[in-house]
Amino acid sequence: MSFENTAAWITAHNAHPFEVKPAPVGVPEENQILIRNRAIAINPIDYKVQTSSVHRGQIIYPTILGEDVAGEVVALGPSVTKFKIGDRVAGLAAGFLTNKNEEKTFQAYTILRTDLSVKTPDKYSFQEAAAFPLAVGTTAAALFNTDFLNLRLPTFPAQKSTGEVLMIWGGASAVGCSAIQLAVAAGYEVVTTASPKNFDLVKRLGASHVFDYKSPTVVADLLEAAEGKKSAGVFDTIGFASWPYTLEYAEKADGVKFISCTVPGWPEPPQGVAVKHVFSLSIIKSHVASSVWDDYLPKAIEAGAFVPAPSPWEFGKGLESLQGAVDFLGTKGVSAQKVVVSLE
């Protein structure tokens, strides 16, 4: 079966807008699938790559962007047994690591790795399913990689309590929503921050305590909630404005003084506190990818123990909507939502 592909291309560094035109269709190799994209989620890195010098020198133009996607399997690589043709799946595309355009998502068809993909139940729309893959990958690297927080792995049913507490700054962010669920499944108590309007959301996902990130007593409140328990560390999903607070918490909390973070460029941490910037696709270099995507997620999603979050917000339909969606997220942002574009 042959497929015709179209993509939203960036033709040169900082070129704007995307040019929607034909693109080659990838052929799945070992441990890969080809999917027809039905929903594409937008991430801050997409805006940064197009408008700044992030990753300049690492990108070959013309190029395609995109990491989060949900769709239907249309072709299987040799010996693939995890999926079958027609399965509804969500996945984290590996193109930022491989530099292969066929492994990016701003197009009609995308090659996905089987260990970064999961079958999704019919009860979830493609838009909902596209909201979590990059967040899960980022969380998995931050929490479970041995050179980061090195926490116990998530399981379904959830692991028994470790008696340790993980502080997540930004619990209602896309990454925060996944981080809460994976940490709880690994047996950790979660204390977190959010806007008051999102308190119920993060509690539903499993956080035991949540505090207003704008409160002048937020660090003291977090420390009090964790009092008497060993800290498993900190995961900062926001960056910049959050740095003084997460550094103070890590310095004062009793236990692991390590901060996994989604944004680089941190100031010098206090003595004894370590900070490290996470890269989602690093999980494929270890057991973490298969442990999360093969062992945990399929059972947890099917049972409703892991839920796609935050809610998707559809910016528009068609590849032509991608530029507006990227610009909107980059300049205006969202709260407890994931910007998505749907494809027919």
Protein backbone atom coordinates (compact mmCIF):
# COMPACT_ATOMS: atom_id res chain seq x y z
CA MET A 1 0.00 0.00 0.00
CA SER A 2 1.33 3.44 -0.92
CA PHE A 3 0.76 6.64 1.01
CA GLU A 4 0.98 10.29 0.01
CA ASN A 5 2.51 12.52 2.67
CA THR A 6 2.37 16.25 3.26
CA ALA A 7 4.31 18.17 5.91
CA ALA A 8 4.65 21.63 7.42
CA TRP A 9 8.27 22.48 6.55
CA ILE A 10 10.66 25.05 7.97
CA THR A 11 12.82 25.85 4.97
CA ALA A 12 15.60 27.75 6.77
CA HIS A 13 16.68 28.88 10.23
CA ASN A 14 13.88 31.00 11.78
CA ALA A 15 11.80 30.79 8.58
CA HIS A 16 8.16 31.75 9.15
CA PRO A 17 5.54 30.59 8.29
CA PHE A 18 5.74 26.84 7.72
CA GLU A 19 5.42 25.76 4.11
CA VAL A 20 2.92 22.94 3.65
CA LYS A 21 4.11 20.74 0.80
CA PRO A 22 4.83 17.10 -0.05
CA ALA A 23 7.20 14.99 2.03
CA PRO A 24 8.57 11.46 1.72
CA VAL A 25 6.79 8.70 3.62
CA GLY A 26 9.01 6.78 6.00
CA VAL A 27 9.31 3.00 5.86
CA PRO A 28 9.20 1.38 9.31
CA GLU A 29 12.26 -0.65 10.28
CA GLU A 30 12.82 -3.01 13.21
CA ASN A 31 10.87 -1.87 16.29
CA GLN A 32 9.09 0.87 14.34
CA ILE A 33 5.57 1.56 13.10
CA LEU A 34 4.14 4.01 10.58
CA ILE A 35 1.04 5.85 11.70
CA ARG A 36 -1.47 8.10 10.00
CA ASN A 37 -1.55 11.17 12.19
CA ARG A 38 -4.97 12.21 13.51
CA ALA A 39 -3.96 14.73 16.19
CA ILE A 40 -0.71 16.61 16.76
CA ALA A 41 0.07 18.38 20.02
CA ILE A 42 2.20 21.51 20.21
CA ASN A 43 5.06 22.01 22.66
CA PRO A 44 7.09 25.07 23.72
CA ILE A 45 10.21 23.64 22.05
CA ASP A 46 8.50 23.94 18.65
CA TYR A 47 8.19 27.70 19.05
CA LYS A 48 11.71 28.02 20.44
CA VAL A 49 13.28 26.13 17.54
CA GLN A 50 11.46 28.25 14.97
CA THR A 51 12.03 31.64 16.59
CA SER A 52 15.37 31.39 18.40
CA SER A 53 18.77 29.74 18.09
CA VAL A 54 17.87 26.69 20.20
CA HIS A 55 19.54 23.61 18.66
CA ARG A 56 21.03 25.73 15.87
CA GLY A 57 23.87 23.81 14.30
CA GLN A 58 22.16 20.51 15.09
CA ILE A 59 19.28 20.95 12.64
CA ILE A 60 19.57 20.38 8.90
CA TYR A 61 17.18 22.54 6.86
CA PRO A 62 14.62 22.19 5.43
CA THR A 63 13.19 20.38 8.42
CA ILE A 64 10.00 19.33 10.17
CA LEU A 65 9.11 19.78 13.84
CA GLY A 66 6.89 17.93 16.29
CA GLU A 67 7.03 15.31 19.03
CA ASP A 68 3.50 14.50 20.28
CA VAL A 69 1.12 12.57 18.07
CA ALA A 70 -1.83 10.19 18.04
CA GLY A 71 -3.19 8.25 15.11
CA GLU A 72 -3.71 4.86 13.50
CA VAL A 73 -1.10 2.23 12.64
CA VAL A 74 -0.88 1.76 8.86
CA ALA A 75 2.38 -0.21 8.53
CA LEU A 76 4.59 -2.36 10.75
CA GLY A 77 8.32 -2.86 10.80
CA PRO A 78 9.77 -6.38 10.62
CA SER A 79 8.90 -8.59 13.61
CA VAL A 80 6.73 -5.95 15.34
CA THR A 81 4.21 -7.74 17.58
CA LYS A 82 3.23 -5.00 20.04
CA PHE A 83 0.84 -3.42 17.52
CA LYS A 84 -1.31 -4.41 14.56
CA ILE A 85 -2.62 -2.49 11.56
CA GLY A 86 -5.52 -0.26 12.58
CA ASP A 87 -4.55 0.15 16.23
CA ARG A 88 -5.14 3.57 17.76
CA VAL A 89 -1.84 4.70 19.25
CA ALA A 90 -0.12 7.66 20.87
CA GLY A 91 3.60 8.17 20.65
CA LEU A 92 6.65 10.31 21.25
CA ALA A 93 8.43 10.82 17.93
CA ALA A 94 12.21 10.45 18.08
CA GLY A 95 13.15 12.89 15.34
CA PHE A 96 14.88 15.38 17.63
CA LEU A 97 17.35 12.63 18.50
CA THR A 98 17.71 10.92 15.13
CA ASN A 99 17.44 14.08 12.98
CA LYS A 100 15.23 12.12 10.60
CA ASN A 101 12.25 14.07 9.30
CA GLU A 102 10.12 10.95 8.92
CA GLU A 103 10.32 10.62 12.73
CA LYS A 104 8.72 14.01 13.38
CA THR A 105 5.03 14.82 13.69
CA PHE A 106 4.12 18.00 11.77
CA GLN A 107 2.99 15.91 8.81
CA ALA A 108 0.35 13.40 7.74
CA TYR A 109 2.39 10.24 8.48
CA THR A 110 5.04 9.62 11.14
CA ILE A 111 7.45 6.81 11.98
CA LEU A 112 7.32 5.92 15.70
CA ARG A 113 9.49 3.65 17.82
CA THR A 114 7.52 0.85 19.44
CA ASP A 115 9.19 1.56 22.80
CA LEU A 116 7.91 5.15 22.69
CA SER A 117 4.36 4.27 21.64
CA VAL A 118 1.29 2.87 23.35
CA LYS A 119 -2.10 1.58 22.21
CA THR A 120 -4.90 3.86 23.40
CA PRO A 121 -8.46 2.80 24.26
CA ASP A 122 -11.34 3.98 22.09
CA LYS A 123 -12.72 5.95 25.06
CA TYR A 124 -9.99 8.55 24.50
CA SER A 125 -10.12 10.84 21.48
CA PHE A 126 -7.05 11.27 19.31
CA GLN A 127 -6.79 14.79 20.69
CA GLU A 128 -6.68 13.50 24.27
CA ALA A 129 -4.18 10.81 23.35
CA ALA A 130 -1.81 13.31 21.72
CA ALA A 131 -1.53 15.31 24.95
CA PHE A 132 0.78 13.09 26.98
CA PRO A 133 3.61 11.31 25.05
CA LEU A 134 6.35 13.96 25.36
CA ALA A 135 5.30 14.64 28.94
CA VAL A 136 5.64 10.95 29.78
CA GLY A 137 9.04 10.76 28.09
CA THR A 138 10.30 13.84 29.90
CA THR A 139 8.95 12.59 33.22
CA ALA A 140 10.45 9.15 32.74
CA ALA A 141 13.88 10.63 32.10
CA ALA A 142 13.64 13.03 35.04
CA LEU A 143 12.38 10.54 37.60
CA PHE A 144 13.78 7.16 36.58
CA ASN A 145 17.05 7.64 34.67
CA THR A 146 19.93 6.50 36.85
CA ASP A 147 21.78 9.79 36.30
CA PHE A 148 18.76 11.82 37.45
CA LEU A 149 16.47 11.09 40.43
CA ASN A 150 16.76 7.32 39.91
CA LEU A 151 13.40 6.58 41.54
CA ARG A 152 11.73 3.19 41.59
CA LEU A 153 9.89 2.39 38.38
CA PRO A 154 6.10 2.77 38.07
CA THR A 155 3.95 -0.35 38.04
CA PHE A 156 0.33 -1.31 37.64
CA PRO A 157 -1.04 -1.83 40.21
CA ALA A 158 1.00 0.92 41.86
CA GLN A 159 4.01 0.07 43.99
CA LYS A 160 3.63 0.11 47.76
CA SER A 161 4.49 3.40 49.42
CA THR A 162 8.17 4.17 49.83
CA GLY A 163 7.41 6.65 52.60
CA GLU A 164 9.28 9.25 50.53
CA VAL A 165 7.92 12.45 49.06
CA LEU A 166 8.62 13.99 45.65
CA MET A 167 8.10 17.71 45.12
CA ILE A 168 6.86 18.61 41.64
CA TRP A 169 6.81 22.31 40.77
CA GLY A 170 4.06 22.91 38.22
CA GLY A 171 1.68 20.02 38.77
CA ALA A 172 -0.93 21.24 36.27
CA SER A 173 1.52 21.60 33.39
CA ALA A 174 1.52 18.86 30.77
CA VAL A 175 4.70 17.39 32.21
CA GLY A 176 3.44 17.88 35.75
CA CYS A 177 0.25 15.90 35.05
CA SER A 178 2.26 12.92 33.85
CA ALA A 179 4.85 13.31 36.60
CA ILE A 180 2.26 13.12 39.37
CA GLN A 181 0.77 9.92 37.96
CA LEU A 182 4.06 8.15 37.31
CA ALA A 183 5.48 9.11 40.71
CA VAL A 184 2.41 7.82 42.53
CA ALA A 185 2.53 4.59 40.49
CA ALA A 186 6.13 4.21 41.64
CA GLY A 187 5.11 4.50 45.29
CA TYR A 188 6.00 8.11 46.07
CA GLU A 189 3.88 10.76 47.76
CA VAL A 190 3.63 13.93 45.69
CA VAL A 191 3.47 17.52 46.91
CA THR A 192 3.08 20.08 44.18
CA THR A 193 2.15 23.61 43.11
CA ALA A 194 -0.53 24.96 40.78
CA SER A 195 -2.99 27.79 40.35
CA PRO A 196 -5.96 27.42 42.73
CA LYS A 197 -8.27 26.78 39.76
CA ASN A 198 -6.22 23.65 39.00
CA PHE A 199 -6.04 22.24 42.54
CA ASP A 200 -8.79 19.69 41.89
CA LEU A 201 -7.06 18.46 38.73
CA VAL A 202 -3.73 17.66 40.38
CA LYS A 203 -5.45 16.06 43.36
CA ARG A 204 -7.44 13.81 41.03
CA LEU A 205 -4.18 12.76 39.42
CA GLY A 206 -2.79 11.71 42.79
CA ALA A 207 -1.07 14.65 44.50
CA SER A 208 -1.50 14.54 48.28
CA HIS A 209 -0.89 18.28 48.80
CA VAL A 210 -1.05 21.22 46.41
CA PHE A 211 -0.24 24.87 47.08
CA ASP A 212 -0.65 28.12 45.16
CA TYR A 213 2.64 28.77 43.39
CA LYS A 214 2.09 32.52 43.87
CA SER A 215 1.70 32.29 47.65
CA PRO A 216 4.48 34.04 49.62
CA THR A 217 4.56 31.00 51.94
CA VAL A 218 4.65 28.36 49.20
CA VAL A 219 8.08 26.95 50.08
CA ALA A 220 7.25 26.82 53.79
CA ASP A 221 3.94 25.14 52.96
CA LEU A 222 5.64 22.51 50.81
CA LEU A 223 8.25 21.82 53.47
CA GLU A 224 5.58 21.49 56.14
CA ALA A 225 3.63 19.02 53.98
CA ALA A 226 6.78 16.94 53.57
CA GLU A 227 7.86 17.20 57.21
CA GLY A 228 8.89 13.93 58.80
CA LYS A 229 9.36 12.22 55.43
CA LYS A 230 12.46 11.74 53.35
CA SER A 231 12.62 13.85 50.21
CA ALA A 232 13.02 11.82 47.02
CA GLY A 233 14.08 15.01 45.23
CA VAL A 234 12.51 17.74 43.11
CA PHE A 235 11.15 17.89 39.58
CA ASP A 236 10.81 21.45 38.27
CA THR A 237 8.56 21.41 35.20
CA ILE A 238 8.42 25.21 34.77
CA GLY A 239 11.80 26.93 35.11
CA PHE A 240 12.98 30.54 35.26
CA ALA A 241 10.53 32.14 37.74
CA SER A 242 10.38 28.92 39.75
CA TRP A 243 14.12 28.58 40.29
CA PRO A 244 14.44 30.46 43.62
CA TYR A 245 11.65 28.38 45.15
CA THR A 246 12.76 24.96 43.99
CA LEU A 247 16.35 25.69 45.01
CA GLU A 248 15.22 26.78 48.47
CA TYR A 249 13.04 23.70 48.88
CA ALA A 250 15.80 21.33 47.77
CA GLU A 251 18.29 22.97 50.13
CA LYS A 252 15.98 22.77 53.16
CA ALA A 253 14.22 19.43 52.58
CA ASP A 254 15.51 16.36 54.38
CA GLY A 255 16.75 13.81 51.88
CA VAL A 256 17.80 13.86 48.23
CA LYS A 257 19.00 17.30 47.16
CA PHE A 258 18.69 16.84 43.42
CA ILE A 259 16.52 18.83 41.00
CA SER A 260 15.52 17.42 37.62
CA CYS A 261 14.39 20.29 35.41
CA THR A 262 12.87 20.88 31.99
CA VAL A 263 14.58 24.22 31.34
CA PRO A 264 18.38 24.78 31.18
CA GLY A 265 20.36 27.82 32.30
CA TRP A 266 19.98 27.57 36.07
CA PRO A 267 21.90 29.84 38.45
CA GLU A 268 24.57 28.28 40.62
CA PRO A 269 22.76 26.08 43.18
CA PRO A 270 23.50 26.17 46.92
CA GLN A 271 26.25 23.89 48.14
CA GLY A 272 25.06 20.31 48.28
CA VAL A 273 22.23 20.80 45.76
CA ALA A 274 22.55 19.39 42.23
CA VAL A 275 20.53 20.52 39.21
CA LYS A 276 20.32 18.74 35.86
CA HIS A 277 18.40 19.49 32.67
CA VAL A 278 16.44 16.54 31.29
CA PHE A 279 16.08 15.29 27.70
CA SER A 280 13.05 13.08 27.08
CA LEU A 281 14.58 10.82 24.43
CA SER A 282 17.50 9.83 26.66
CA ILE A 283 15.27 7.04 28.01
CA ILE A 284 15.80 4.91 24.90
CA LYS A 285 19.42 4.41 25.91
CA SER A 286 18.44 2.40 28.99
CA HIS A 287 15.75 0.14 30.42
CA VAL A 288 13.53 3.11 31.25
CA ALA A 289 11.75 3.41 27.88
CA SER A 290 10.58 -0.19 27.79
CA SER A 291 9.77 -0.21 31.52
CA VAL A 292 7.44 2.77 31.14
CA TRP A 293 6.05 2.39 27.60
CA ASP A 294 5.92 -1.42 27.36
CA ASP A 295 5.44 -2.64 30.93
CA TYR A 296 3.52 0.14 32.70
CA LEU A 297 1.55 2.35 30.30
CA PRO A 298 -0.47 -0.24 28.32
CA LYS A 299 -2.01 -1.76 31.46
CA ALA A 300 -2.37 1.55 33.30
CA ILE A 301 -4.09 3.35 30.42
CA GLU A 302 -6.45 0.47 29.73
CA ALA A 303 -7.43 0.33 33.42
CA GLY A 304 -7.77 4.10 33.78
CA ALA A 305 -4.95 4.25 36.31
CA PHE A 306 -3.08 6.61 33.97
CA VAL A 307 -5.25 9.22 32.27
CA PRO A 308 -4.28 11.58 29.45
CA ALA A 309 -3.92 15.03 30.97
CA PRO A 310 -4.21 17.97 30.74
CA SER A 311 -7.26 18.38 28.51
CA PRO A 312 -6.63 19.11 24.83
CA TRP A 313 -7.61 22.44 23.32
CA GLU A 314 -8.07 22.23 19.57
CA PHE A 315 -6.59 25.27 17.87
CA GLY A 316 -7.64 24.19 14.41
CA LYS A 317 -7.71 21.48 11.77
CA GLY A 318 -5.19 20.61 9.08
CA LEU A 319 -1.46 21.13 8.69
CA GLU A 320 -2.14 24.74 7.71
CA SER A 321 -3.25 25.38 11.32
CA LEU A 322 0.09 24.33 12.80
CA GLN A 323 1.80 27.71 12.42
CA GLY A 324 -0.98 29.54 14.21
CA ALA A 325 -1.00 26.93 16.95
CA VAL A 326 2.75 27.20 17.49
CA ASP A 327 2.58 31.00 17.55
CA PHE A 328 -0.34 30.94 19.99
CA LEU A 329 1.39 28.64 22.45
CA GLY A 330 4.67 30.53 22.20
CA THR A 331 3.22 34.02 22.68
CA LYS A 332 0.11 33.51 24.82
CA GLY A 333 0.43 30.10 26.44
CA VAL A 334 -2.21 27.98 28.14
CA SER A 335 -3.06 26.81 31.65
CA ALA A 336 -3.80 23.13 32.33
CA GLN A 337 -4.44 22.55 28.62
CA LYS A 338 -2.58 21.09 25.67
CA VAL A 339 -2.78 22.85 22.30
CA VAL A 340 -3.57 20.38 19.52
CA VAL A 341 -4.24 20.41 15.80
CA SER A 342 -6.50 17.74 14.31
CA LEU A 343 -6.02 16.09 10.93
CA GLU A 344 -8.75 14.49 8.83
